[in-house]
């Protein structure tokens, strides 16, 4: 009787893991497929190549696609590959963490670009050049990689070097499981989010002041205000992942029967869903980008309809 119950329990766990990974994979494919539309539109329309705003936007989209892809891969690996070599695992974790940090940093960069366009319009073309935009993206990646490299340095100091020859489940909680990593994570998350929020609040206030000046282009200023507010909303969505553990604890108290499902649902809502909403809202909201996207894919849909009617 006991062996039968244990066998059924094991089968239920395997089925539950399969369903969760299937949902996660389908969710990731859906998000990246939609975001691929924006990437395709950008590279098919050369008009966007010389505009720093669209370059930063498409960097945000590509970064989030990479983050979603790595996130799904790491989740599936946690079930399917129990003995991942530590050096390979650390590389994946560093890149995944960098893409996570890059999103708010890119949003801050986009807000600064709008601030310069409205408050310093005569100097915008001199300051916000294509070359400097790519330098900014390089700096964003450099800053985004720092927390992951810091975690690696802590491992090198605290753990024996022999650990790099072992295999383990590839997840940040398994690899970075020292008290130093926990404190370091809190400090880095607080520092990154504080800096980005200060930039967003400063740029919004400056644009708000510019909108009230008689000499300012009020229409453009109001659009810039809305854009920066949108960046703030996007940042709030992205920052949900920082309080995922708190949400887990609160949700588990109200959903006692489905306590094991809470972290998975929470992960989908706080980590993956914002990576769809942030590019989608911005891309559809921008009239120029949306018109080109509609032009490319509207023509394709029309061709498909015409060919289907002929057949």
Protein backbone atom coordinates (compact mmCIF):
# COMPACT_ATOMS: atom_id res chain seq x y z
CA UNK A 1 0.00 0.00 0.00
CA UNK A 2 2.79 2.42 0.99
CA UNK A 3 4.80 1.62 -2.14
CA UNK A 4 1.75 2.31 -4.31
CA UNK A 5 1.20 5.67 -2.59
CA UNK A 6 4.86 6.61 -3.03
CA UNK A 7 4.74 5.63 -6.69
CA UNK A 8 1.60 7.72 -7.26
CA UNK A 9 3.19 10.65 -5.43
CA UNK A 10 6.32 10.41 -7.60
CA UNK A 11 4.20 10.25 -10.75
CA UNK A 12 2.23 13.31 -9.63
CA UNK A 13 5.47 15.24 -9.06
CA UNK A 14 6.79 14.27 -12.49
CA UNK A 15 3.51 15.26 -14.13
CA UNK A 16 3.41 18.53 -12.21
CA UNK A 17 7.00 19.33 -13.25
CA UNK A 18 6.22 18.48 -16.88
CA UNK A 19 3.11 20.69 -16.93
CA UNK A 20 4.94 23.61 -15.32
CA UNK A 21 7.85 23.41 -17.74
CA UNK A 22 5.47 23.07 -20.70
CA UNK A 23 3.55 26.18 -19.61
CA UNK A 24 6.83 28.02 -19.06
CA UNK A 25 8.20 27.05 -22.48
CA UNK A 26 4.96 28.00 -24.26
CA UNK A 27 4.83 31.27 -22.34
CA UNK A 28 8.44 32.06 -23.27
CA UNK A 29 7.91 31.18 -26.94
CA UNK A 30 4.79 33.38 -27.07
CA UNK A 31 6.54 36.37 -25.49
CA UNK A 32 9.62 36.11 -27.70
CA UNK A 33 7.50 35.56 -30.82
CA UNK A 34 5.58 38.79 -30.17
CA UNK A 35 8.77 40.70 -29.34
CA UNK A 36 10.37 39.34 -32.52
CA UNK A 37 7.78 41.36 -34.46
CA UNK A 38 9.23 44.57 -32.99
CA UNK A 39 12.80 43.48 -33.76
CA UNK A 40 11.82 42.61 -37.35
CA UNK A 41 10.11 46.00 -37.78
CA UNK A 42 13.19 47.86 -36.52
CA UNK A 43 15.68 46.11 -38.79
CA UNK A 44 13.38 46.33 -41.82
CA UNK A 45 12.95 50.11 -41.46
CA UNK A 46 16.22 52.02 -41.83
CA UNK A 47 14.53 55.19 -40.58
CA UNK A 48 15.04 53.91 -37.02
CA UNK A 49 18.77 53.28 -37.38
CA UNK A 50 19.79 56.88 -36.70
CA UNK A 51 17.36 57.62 -33.87
CA UNK A 52 18.80 56.98 -30.36
CA UNK A 53 15.31 56.57 -28.92
CA UNK A 54 14.50 53.60 -31.16
CA UNK A 55 17.98 52.12 -30.77
CA UNK A 56 17.52 52.09 -26.98
CA UNK A 57 14.02 50.70 -27.40
CA UNK A 58 15.11 47.80 -29.58
CA UNK A 59 17.96 47.11 -27.16
CA UNK A 60 15.31 46.84 -24.43
CA UNK A 61 13.32 44.36 -26.55
CA UNK A 62 16.33 42.21 -27.48
CA UNK A 63 17.59 42.26 -23.89
CA UNK A 64 14.20 41.10 -22.58
CA UNK A 65 14.02 38.37 -25.23
CA UNK A 66 17.40 37.12 -24.08
CA UNK A 67 16.29 37.30 -20.44
CA UNK A 68 13.12 35.30 -21.15
CA UNK A 69 15.02 32.69 -23.18
CA UNK A 70 17.68 32.19 -20.48
CA UNK A 71 15.06 32.14 -17.75
CA UNK A 72 13.13 29.34 -19.49
CA UNK A 73 16.34 27.40 -20.21
CA UNK A 74 17.47 27.60 -16.57
CA UNK A 75 14.06 26.51 -15.33
CA UNK A 76 13.94 23.48 -17.63
CA UNK A 77 17.57 22.62 -16.79
CA UNK A 78 16.70 22.58 -13.08
CA UNK A 79 14.41 19.59 -13.77
CA UNK A 80 16.10 17.91 -16.71
CA UNK A 81 19.82 18.33 -15.91
CA UNK A 82 20.72 17.83 -12.26
CA UNK A 83 24.53 17.86 -12.63
CA UNK A 84 25.39 21.01 -14.57
CA UNK A 85 29.13 21.87 -14.51
CA UNK A 86 29.54 24.90 -12.25
CA UNK A 87 31.61 27.05 -14.70
CA UNK A 88 28.91 26.67 -17.39
CA UNK A 89 26.16 27.34 -14.84
CA UNK A 90 27.88 30.49 -13.55
CA UNK A 91 28.19 31.88 -17.09
CA UNK A 92 24.45 31.40 -17.68
CA UNK A 93 23.59 32.96 -14.31
CA UNK A 94 25.82 36.00 -14.92
CA UNK A 95 24.24 36.67 -18.33
CA UNK A 96 20.71 36.08 -16.98
CA UNK A 97 21.32 38.45 -14.05
CA UNK A 98 22.82 41.07 -16.38
CA UNK A 99 19.74 41.02 -18.64
CA UNK A 100 17.58 41.41 -15.54
CA UNK A 101 19.55 44.50 -14.43
CA UNK A 102 19.74 45.93 -17.96
CA UNK A 103 15.99 46.54 -18.25
CA UNK A 104 15.69 49.31 -15.61
CA UNK A 105 19.02 50.79 -16.71
CA UNK A 106 17.79 50.99 -20.32
CA UNK A 107 14.52 52.58 -19.19
CA UNK A 108 16.58 55.19 -17.33
CA UNK A 109 18.62 55.82 -20.49
CA UNK A 110 15.45 56.28 -22.53
CA UNK A 111 14.11 58.77 -19.96
CA UNK A 112 17.34 60.79 -20.09
CA UNK A 113 17.14 60.87 -23.91
CA UNK A 114 13.61 62.31 -23.70
CA UNK A 115 14.75 64.86 -21.10
CA UNK A 116 17.53 66.08 -23.41
CA UNK A 117 15.15 66.21 -26.40
CA UNK A 118 12.70 68.48 -24.53
CA UNK A 119 14.90 70.50 -22.16
CA UNK A 120 17.96 70.85 -24.40
CA UNK A 121 16.54 70.57 -27.93
CA UNK A 122 19.35 72.59 -29.56
CA UNK A 123 21.97 70.20 -28.18
CA UNK A 124 20.01 66.96 -28.63
CA UNK A 125 21.60 66.01 -31.95
CA UNK A 126 25.06 66.76 -30.55
CA UNK A 127 24.61 64.86 -27.28
CA UNK A 128 22.40 61.96 -28.37
CA UNK A 129 24.36 60.63 -31.32
CA UNK A 130 24.17 57.06 -32.60
CA UNK A 131 27.78 56.42 -31.54
CA UNK A 132 27.12 57.63 -27.99
CA UNK A 133 23.95 55.55 -27.84
CA UNK A 134 25.92 52.40 -28.58
CA UNK A 135 28.51 53.45 -26.00
CA UNK A 136 25.68 53.84 -23.49
CA UNK A 137 24.39 50.35 -24.31
CA UNK A 138 27.91 48.99 -23.76
CA UNK A 139 28.07 50.77 -20.39
CA UNK A 140 24.64 49.36 -19.46
CA UNK A 141 25.93 45.84 -20.10
CA UNK A 142 29.12 46.60 -18.18
CA UNK A 143 27.19 47.86 -15.16
CA UNK A 144 24.65 45.02 -15.47
CA UNK A 145 27.38 42.36 -15.35
CA UNK A 146 28.98 43.76 -12.16
CA UNK A 147 26.61 42.02 -9.66
CA UNK A 148 27.13 38.63 -11.35
CA UNK A 149 30.91 39.04 -11.37
CA UNK A 150 30.77 40.11 -7.72
CA UNK A 151 28.85 36.92 -6.86
CA UNK A 152 31.51 34.91 -8.67
CA UNK A 153 34.31 36.65 -6.74
CA UNK A 154 32.55 35.83 -3.46
CA UNK A 155 32.40 32.14 -4.49
CA UNK A 156 36.13 32.19 -5.31
CA UNK A 157 36.88 33.66 -1.88
CA UNK A 158 34.48 31.60 0.26
CA UNK A 159 34.38 28.23 -1.52
CA UNK A 160 37.29 25.92 -2.37
CA UNK A 161 38.35 25.88 -6.02
CA UNK A 162 37.46 22.18 -6.22
CA UNK A 163 33.79 23.19 -6.34
CA UNK A 164 34.30 24.23 -9.98
CA UNK A 165 34.88 20.58 -10.93
CA UNK A 166 31.54 19.45 -9.48
CA UNK A 167 28.05 19.40 -10.95
CA UNK A 168 24.90 20.78 -9.36
CA UNK A 169 21.39 22.05 -10.04
CA UNK A 170 21.85 25.32 -11.95
CA UNK A 171 19.92 27.95 -10.03
CA UNK A 172 21.00 31.09 -8.21
CA UNK A 173 19.69 29.77 -4.88
CA UNK A 174 21.88 26.66 -5.19
CA UNK A 175 25.03 28.38 -6.43
CA UNK A 176 24.86 31.66 -4.49
CA UNK A 177 23.76 30.25 -1.12
CA UNK A 178 26.09 32.02 1.33
CA UNK A 179 25.02 34.80 3.76
CA UNK A 180 27.35 37.15 1.85
CA UNK A 181 25.39 36.58 -1.36
CA UNK A 182 22.09 37.32 0.37
CA UNK A 183 23.32 40.64 1.76
CA UNK A 184 25.06 41.51 -1.51
CA UNK A 185 21.85 40.88 -3.46
CA UNK A 186 19.88 43.24 -1.21
CA UNK A 187 22.50 45.98 -1.51
CA UNK A 188 22.78 45.68 -5.32
CA UNK A 189 19.01 45.59 -5.88
CA UNK A 190 18.50 48.62 -3.63
CA UNK A 191 21.32 50.54 -5.30
CA UNK A 192 20.18 49.85 -8.86
CA UNK A 193 16.50 50.59 -8.21
CA UNK A 194 17.31 53.79 -6.24
CA UNK A 195 19.55 55.20 -8.98
CA UNK A 196 16.99 54.45 -11.70
CA UNK A 197 14.13 55.99 -9.71
CA UNK A 198 16.15 59.15 -9.01
CA UNK A 199 16.84 59.48 -12.75
CA UNK A 200 13.17 58.98 -13.65
CA UNK A 201 11.90 61.47 -11.04
CA UNK A 202 14.53 64.07 -12.04
CA UNK A 203 13.81 63.81 -15.77
CA UNK A 204 10.03 63.92 -15.22
CA UNK A 205 10.27 67.04 -13.04
CA UNK A 206 12.53 68.77 -15.55
CA UNK A 207 10.18 67.96 -18.43
CA UNK A 208 7.22 69.13 -16.33
CA UNK A 209 8.95 72.47 -15.77
CA UNK A 210 9.76 72.75 -19.47
CA UNK A 211 6.11 72.07 -20.36
CA UNK A 212 5.01 75.13 -18.37
CA UNK A 213 7.38 77.49 -20.12
CA UNK A 214 5.91 79.61 -22.86
CA UNK A 215 8.84 78.97 -25.17
CA UNK A 216 8.64 75.21 -24.83
CA UNK A 217 6.88 72.99 -27.30
CA UNK A 218 4.00 72.00 -25.03
CA UNK A 219 2.77 69.18 -27.23
CA UNK A 220 6.18 67.52 -27.34
CA UNK A 221 6.69 68.16 -23.63
CA UNK A 222 3.40 66.51 -22.73
CA UNK A 223 4.29 63.50 -24.86
CA UNK A 224 7.65 63.33 -23.10
CA UNK A 225 5.89 63.48 -19.71
CA UNK A 226 3.65 60.60 -20.72
CA UNK A 227 6.64 58.65 -22.01
CA UNK A 228 8.59 59.07 -18.76
CA UNK A 229 5.50 58.14 -16.73
CA UNK A 230 5.23 55.05 -18.92
CA UNK A 231 8.87 54.24 -18.13
CA UNK A 232 7.96 54.53 -14.45
CA UNK A 233 5.08 52.10 -14.90
CA UNK A 234 7.38 49.75 -16.83
CA UNK A 235 9.94 49.98 -14.05
CA UNK A 236 7.29 49.14 -11.45
CA UNK A 237 6.41 46.02 -13.44
CA UNK A 238 10.06 45.01 -13.69
CA UNK A 239 10.65 45.66 -9.99
CA UNK A 240 7.95 43.15 -9.05
CA UNK A 241 10.65 40.49 -9.36
CA UNK A 242 12.55 42.15 -6.47
CA UNK A 243 9.63 41.52 -4.12
CA UNK A 244 8.70 38.10 -5.50
CA UNK A 245 9.64 36.34 -2.25
CA UNK A 246 7.42 38.70 -0.23
CA UNK A 247 4.52 38.11 -2.61
CA UNK A 248 5.10 34.35 -2.25
CA UNK A 249 4.75 34.53 1.53
CA UNK A 250 1.64 36.73 1.45
CA UNK A 251 -0.08 34.66 -1.28
CA UNK A 252 0.72 31.37 0.47
CA UNK A 253 -1.26 32.50 3.54
CA UNK A 254 -4.43 32.95 1.47
CA UNK A 255 -3.93 29.94 -0.83
CA UNK A 256 -3.03 27.19 1.62
CA UNK A 257 -4.34 24.39 -0.61
CA UNK A 258 -2.29 25.53 -3.62
CA UNK A 259 0.77 26.76 -1.74
CA UNK A 260 3.21 24.91 -4.01
CA UNK A 261 1.75 26.60 -7.10
CA UNK A 262 2.15 30.12 -5.73
CA UNK A 263 5.90 30.58 -6.55
CA UNK A 264 5.38 29.33 -10.12
CA UNK A 265 2.42 31.65 -10.82
CA UNK A 266 4.25 34.48 -9.08
CA UNK A 267 7.29 33.86 -11.29
CA UNK A 268 5.20 34.10 -14.46
CA UNK A 269 3.54 37.33 -13.34
CA UNK A 270 6.58 39.13 -11.88
CA UNK A 271 9.42 37.98 -14.15
CA UNK A 272 8.09 36.94 -17.57
CA UNK A 273 4.87 38.91 -18.12
CA UNK A 274 6.53 42.37 -17.70
CA UNK A 275 8.96 41.36 -20.48
CA UNK A 276 5.98 41.20 -22.82
CA UNK A 277 4.07 44.24 -21.57
CA UNK A 278 6.93 46.77 -21.51
CA UNK A 279 7.97 46.45 -25.20
CA UNK A 280 4.38 45.88 -26.32
CA UNK A 281 3.00 49.02 -24.67
CA UNK A 282 5.84 51.22 -25.91
CA UNK A 283 5.96 49.77 -29.44
CA UNK A 284 2.22 50.02 -30.07
CA UNK A 285 1.99 53.45 -28.43
CA UNK A 286 4.62 55.00 -30.70
CA UNK A 287 2.79 56.09 -33.86
CA UNK A 288 5.81 56.00 -36.19
CA UNK A 289 6.93 52.55 -35.06
CA UNK A 290 3.37 51.20 -35.08
CA UNK A 291 2.73 52.50 -38.61
CA UNK A 292 5.84 50.73 -39.94
CA UNK A 293 4.96 47.56 -38.08
CA UNK A 294 1.43 47.69 -39.45
CA UNK A 295 2.79 48.36 -42.93
CA UNK A 296 5.12 45.34 -42.91
CA UNK A 297 2.73 42.84 -41.41
CA UNK A 298 -0.42 44.33 -42.95
CA UNK A 299 1.04 43.72 -46.41
CA UNK A 300 1.93 40.14 -45.53
CA UNK A 301 -1.57 39.45 -44.23
CA UNK A 302 -3.04 40.98 -47.39
CA UNK A 303 -0.85 38.79 -49.61
CA UNK A 304 -1.87 35.68 -47.67
CA UNK A 305 -5.56 36.58 -48.03
CA UNK A 306 -5.25 37.24 -51.75
CA UNK A 307 -3.46 33.93 -52.35
CA UNK A 308 -6.03 32.05 -50.28
CA UNK A 309 -8.92 33.55 -52.27
CA UNK A 310 -7.23 32.59 -55.56
CA UNK A 311 -6.92 29.02 -54.43
